[in-house]
């Protein structure tokens, strides 16, 4: 079961990278790991550094991919991002995006949440 989930995640991240490149994003890193967690995709979009979380589901059961971006998950992403920023010398405006993949549907939520505001996805 875990191998199937890992494969789905890897495939979804590959698909998300292709999608984001098509929108003009430049992928800097994938699967950046720290003791605090992993960042799926780190990219540049114009003058912004963008941390992209990728969520994929085969169906909409349990709220679909968007529903998987819980408050606890957002907190882990923020903590890992702080570790990334400390390790790099990035001095760009920061944004958190979500790529939600369900079947053949790919949806980008720009500015999905913010450091100080919590989730702004509206669901």
C-alpha atoms as a PDB file:
ATOM      1  CA  UNK A   1       0.000   0.000   0.000  1.00  0.00           C
ATOM      2  CA  UNK A   2       2.748   2.467   0.923  1.00  0.00           C
ATOM      3  CA  UNK A   3       4.618   1.803  -2.339  1.00  0.00           C
ATOM      4  CA  UNK A   4       1.446   2.524  -4.320  1.00  0.00           C
ATOM      5  CA  UNK A   5       0.965   5.833  -2.456  1.00  0.00           C
ATOM      6  CA  UNK A   6       4.603   6.800  -2.981  1.00  0.00           C
ATOM      7  CA  UNK A   7       4.300   6.052  -6.689  1.00  0.00           C
ATOM      8  CA  UNK A   8       1.102   8.136  -6.929  1.00  0.00           C
ATOM      9  CA  UNK A   9       2.892  10.988  -5.148  1.00  0.00           C
ATOM     10  CA  UNK A  10       5.937  10.802  -7.402  1.00  0.00           C
ATOM     11  CA  UNK A  11       3.779  10.710 -10.534  1.00  0.00           C
ATOM     12  CA  UNK A  12       1.697  13.653  -9.277  1.00  0.00           C
ATOM     13  CA  UNK A  13       4.823  15.706  -8.532  1.00  0.00           C
ATOM     14  CA  UNK A  14       6.151  14.973 -12.036  1.00  0.00           C
ATOM     15  CA  UNK A  15       2.808  16.100 -13.499  1.00  0.00           C
ATOM     16  CA  UNK A  16       2.787  19.209 -11.305  1.00  0.00           C
ATOM     17  CA  UNK A  17       6.293  20.172 -12.468  1.00  0.00           C
ATOM     18  CA  UNK A  18       5.283  19.887 -16.117  1.00  0.00           C
ATOM     19  CA  UNK A  19       2.153  21.948 -15.420  1.00  0.00           C
ATOM     20  CA  UNK A  20       4.051  24.631 -13.489  1.00  0.00           C
ATOM     21  CA  UNK A  21       6.780  24.897 -16.138  1.00  0.00           C
ATOM     22  CA  UNK A  22       4.022  25.448 -18.697  1.00  0.00           C
ATOM     23  CA  UNK A  23       2.903  28.421 -16.604  1.00  0.00           C
ATOM     24  CA  UNK A  24       6.418  29.857 -16.523  1.00  0.00           C
ATOM     25  CA  UNK A  25       7.558  28.612 -13.126  1.00  0.00           C
ATOM     26  CA  UNK A  26      11.230  27.658 -12.836  1.00  0.00           C
ATOM     27  CA  UNK A  27      11.719  24.576 -10.674  1.00  0.00           C
ATOM     28  CA  UNK A  28      14.598  25.044  -8.237  1.00  0.00           C
ATOM     29  CA  UNK A  29      14.339  21.893  -6.131  1.00  0.00           C
ATOM     30  CA  UNK A  30      12.104  18.893  -5.583  1.00  0.00           C
ATOM     31  CA  UNK A  31      11.598  16.890  -2.421  1.00  0.00           C
ATOM     32  CA  UNK A  32      13.813  19.136  -0.298  1.00  0.00           C
ATOM     33  CA  UNK A  33      14.191  17.439   3.067  1.00  0.00           C
ATOM     34  CA  UNK A  34      14.987  18.775   6.507  1.00  0.00           C
ATOM     35  CA  UNK A  35      14.584  17.351  10.001  1.00  0.00           C
ATOM     36  CA  UNK A  36      11.315  19.336  10.109  1.00  0.00           C
ATOM     37  CA  UNK A  37       9.707  17.944   6.979  1.00  0.00           C
ATOM     38  CA  UNK A  38       9.801  17.843   3.203  1.00  0.00           C
ATOM     39  CA  UNK A  39       8.939  20.489   0.633  1.00  0.00           C
ATOM     40  CA  UNK A  40       7.500  18.967  -2.550  1.00  0.00           C
ATOM     41  CA  UNK A  41       8.559  21.678  -5.012  1.00  0.00           C
ATOM     42  CA  UNK A  42      10.513  24.895  -4.597  1.00  0.00           C
ATOM     43  CA  UNK A  43      10.164  27.186  -7.597  1.00  0.00           C
ATOM     44  CA  UNK A  44      10.480  30.728  -8.881  1.00  0.00           C
ATOM     45  CA  UNK A  45       7.487  32.479 -10.356  1.00  0.00           C
ATOM     46  CA  UNK A  46       8.601  35.884 -11.524  1.00  0.00           C
ATOM     47  CA  UNK A  47      10.194  37.602  -8.557  1.00  0.00           C
ATOM     48  CA  UNK A  48       8.668  35.235  -5.985  1.00  0.00           C
ATOM     49  CA  UNK A  49      10.013  32.143  -4.312  1.00  0.00           C
ATOM     50  CA  UNK A  50       7.161  29.641  -4.308  1.00  0.00           C
ATOM     51  CA  UNK A  51       6.788  26.614  -2.075  1.00  0.00           C
ATOM     52  CA  UNK A  52       4.431  24.248  -3.873  1.00  0.00           C
ATOM     53  CA  UNK A  53       2.606  21.460  -2.076  1.00  0.00           C
ATOM     54  CA  UNK A  54       1.269  18.734  -4.350  1.00  0.00           C
ATOM     55  CA  UNK A  55      -1.783  16.734  -3.326  1.00  0.00           C
ATOM     56  CA  UNK A  56      -3.240  13.997  -5.499  1.00  0.00           C
ATOM     57  CA  UNK A  57      -6.247  11.759  -5.104  1.00  0.00           C
ATOM     58  CA  UNK A  58      -7.764   9.164  -7.386  1.00  0.00           C
ATOM     59  CA  UNK A  59     -11.267  10.272  -6.345  1.00  0.00           C
ATOM     60  CA  UNK A  60     -13.065  12.907  -4.309  1.00  0.00           C
ATOM     61  CA  UNK A  61     -13.676  10.633  -1.343  1.00  0.00           C
ATOM     62  CA  UNK A  62     -12.506  12.211   1.923  1.00  0.00           C
ATOM     63  CA  UNK A  63     -12.643  15.751   0.494  1.00  0.00           C
ATOM     64  CA  UNK A  64     -10.413  15.365  -2.545  1.00  0.00           C
ATOM     65  CA  UNK A  65      -6.838  16.608  -2.731  1.00  0.00           C
ATOM     66  CA  UNK A  66      -7.637  20.087  -1.436  1.00  0.00           C
ATOM     67  CA  UNK A  67      -9.008  18.637   1.775  1.00  0.00           C
ATOM     68  CA  UNK A  68      -5.655  16.997   2.520  1.00  0.00           C
ATOM     69  CA  UNK A  69      -3.964  20.345   3.211  1.00  0.00           C
ATOM     70  CA  UNK A  70      -4.772  20.360   6.907  1.00  0.00           C
ATOM     71  CA  UNK A  71      -3.672  22.949   9.448  1.00  0.00           C
ATOM     72  CA  UNK A  72      -1.072  20.482  10.776  1.00  0.00           C
ATOM     73  CA  UNK A  73       0.280  19.926   7.260  1.00  0.00           C
ATOM     74  CA  UNK A  74       0.479  23.681   6.642  1.00  0.00           C
ATOM     75  CA  UNK A  75       2.378  24.069   9.905  1.00  0.00           C
ATOM     76  CA  UNK A  76       4.912  21.398   8.844  1.00  0.00           C
ATOM     77  CA  UNK A  77       5.338  23.113   5.468  1.00  0.00           C
ATOM     78  CA  UNK A  78       5.963  26.481   7.150  1.00  0.00           C
ATOM     79  CA  UNK A  79       8.498  24.946   9.568  1.00  0.00           C
ATOM     80  CA  UNK A  80      10.336  23.181   6.728  1.00  0.00           C
ATOM     81  CA  UNK A  81      10.256  26.418   4.709  1.00  0.00           C
ATOM     82  CA  UNK A  82      11.902  28.292   7.556  1.00  0.00           C
ATOM     83  CA  UNK A  83      14.651  25.639   7.576  1.00  0.00           C
ATOM     84  CA  UNK A  84      15.052  26.017   3.799  1.00  0.00           C
ATOM     85  CA  UNK A  85      15.295  29.793   4.059  1.00  0.00           C
ATOM     86  CA  UNK A  86      17.902  29.494   6.822  1.00  0.00           C
ATOM     87  CA  UNK A  87      19.941  27.056   4.698  1.00  0.00           C
ATOM     88  CA  UNK A  88      19.681  29.086   1.498  1.00  0.00           C
ATOM     89  CA  UNK A  89      20.298  32.732   0.880  1.00  0.00           C
ATOM     90  CA  UNK A  90      16.908  33.389  -0.668  1.00  0.00           C
ATOM     91  CA  UNK A  91      15.850  37.028  -0.337  1.00  0.00           C
ATOM     92  CA  UNK A  92      12.659  36.932  -2.396  1.00  0.00           C
ATOM     93  CA  UNK A  93       9.006  37.436  -1.565  1.00  0.00           C
ATOM     94  CA  UNK A  94       7.569  34.088  -0.460  1.00  0.00           C
ATOM     95  CA  UNK A  95       4.351  32.428  -1.574  1.00  0.00           C
ATOM     96  CA  UNK A  96       2.732  29.062  -0.846  1.00  0.00           C
ATOM     97  CA  UNK A  97       0.873  27.393  -3.727  1.00  0.00           C
ATOM     98  CA  UNK A  98      -1.054  24.141  -3.892  1.00  0.00           C
ATOM     99  CA  UNK A  99      -1.337  21.912  -6.932  1.00  0.00           C
ATOM    100  CA  UNK A 100      -4.335  19.608  -6.526  1.00  0.00           C
ATOM    101  CA  UNK A 101      -4.576  16.642  -8.881  1.00  0.00           C
ATOM    102  CA  UNK A 102      -7.665  14.484  -9.098  1.00  0.00           C
ATOM    103  CA  UNK A 103      -7.770  12.104 -12.023  1.00  0.00           C
ATOM    104  CA  UNK A 104      -7.010  14.201 -15.122  1.00  0.00           C
ATOM    105  CA  UNK A 105      -7.887  17.499 -13.410  1.00  0.00           C
ATOM    106  CA  UNK A 106      -4.993  19.715 -12.296  1.00  0.00           C
ATOM    107  CA  UNK A 107      -5.847  22.826 -10.277  1.00  0.00           C
ATOM    108  CA  UNK A 108      -3.382  25.449  -9.117  1.00  0.00           C
ATOM    109  CA  UNK A 109      -4.218  27.468  -6.014  1.00  0.00           C
ATOM    110  CA  UNK A 110      -1.841  30.426  -5.987  1.00  0.00           C
ATOM    111  CA  UNK A 111      -1.196  31.869  -2.560  1.00  0.00           C
ATOM    112  CA  UNK A 112      -3.077  28.934  -1.008  1.00  0.00           C
ATOM    113  CA  UNK A 113      -2.101  30.012   2.490  1.00  0.00           C
ATOM    114  CA  UNK A 114       0.111  32.541   4.196  1.00  0.00           C
ATOM    115  CA  UNK A 115       2.462  32.443   7.130  1.00  0.00           C
ATOM    116  CA  UNK A 116       0.350  34.717   9.279  1.00  0.00           C
ATOM    117  CA  UNK A 117      -3.162  33.962   8.045  1.00  0.00           C
ATOM    118  CA  UNK A 118      -3.531  30.207   7.881  1.00  0.00           C
ATOM    119  CA  UNK A 119      -5.450  28.718   4.967  1.00  0.00           C
ATOM    120  CA  UNK A 120      -7.046  31.054   2.434  1.00  0.00           C
ATOM    121  CA  UNK A 121      -8.347  28.373   0.057  1.00  0.00           C
ATOM    122  CA  UNK A 122     -11.957  28.927   1.026  1.00  0.00           C
ATOM    123  CA  UNK A 123     -12.862  25.299   1.721  1.00  0.00           C
END
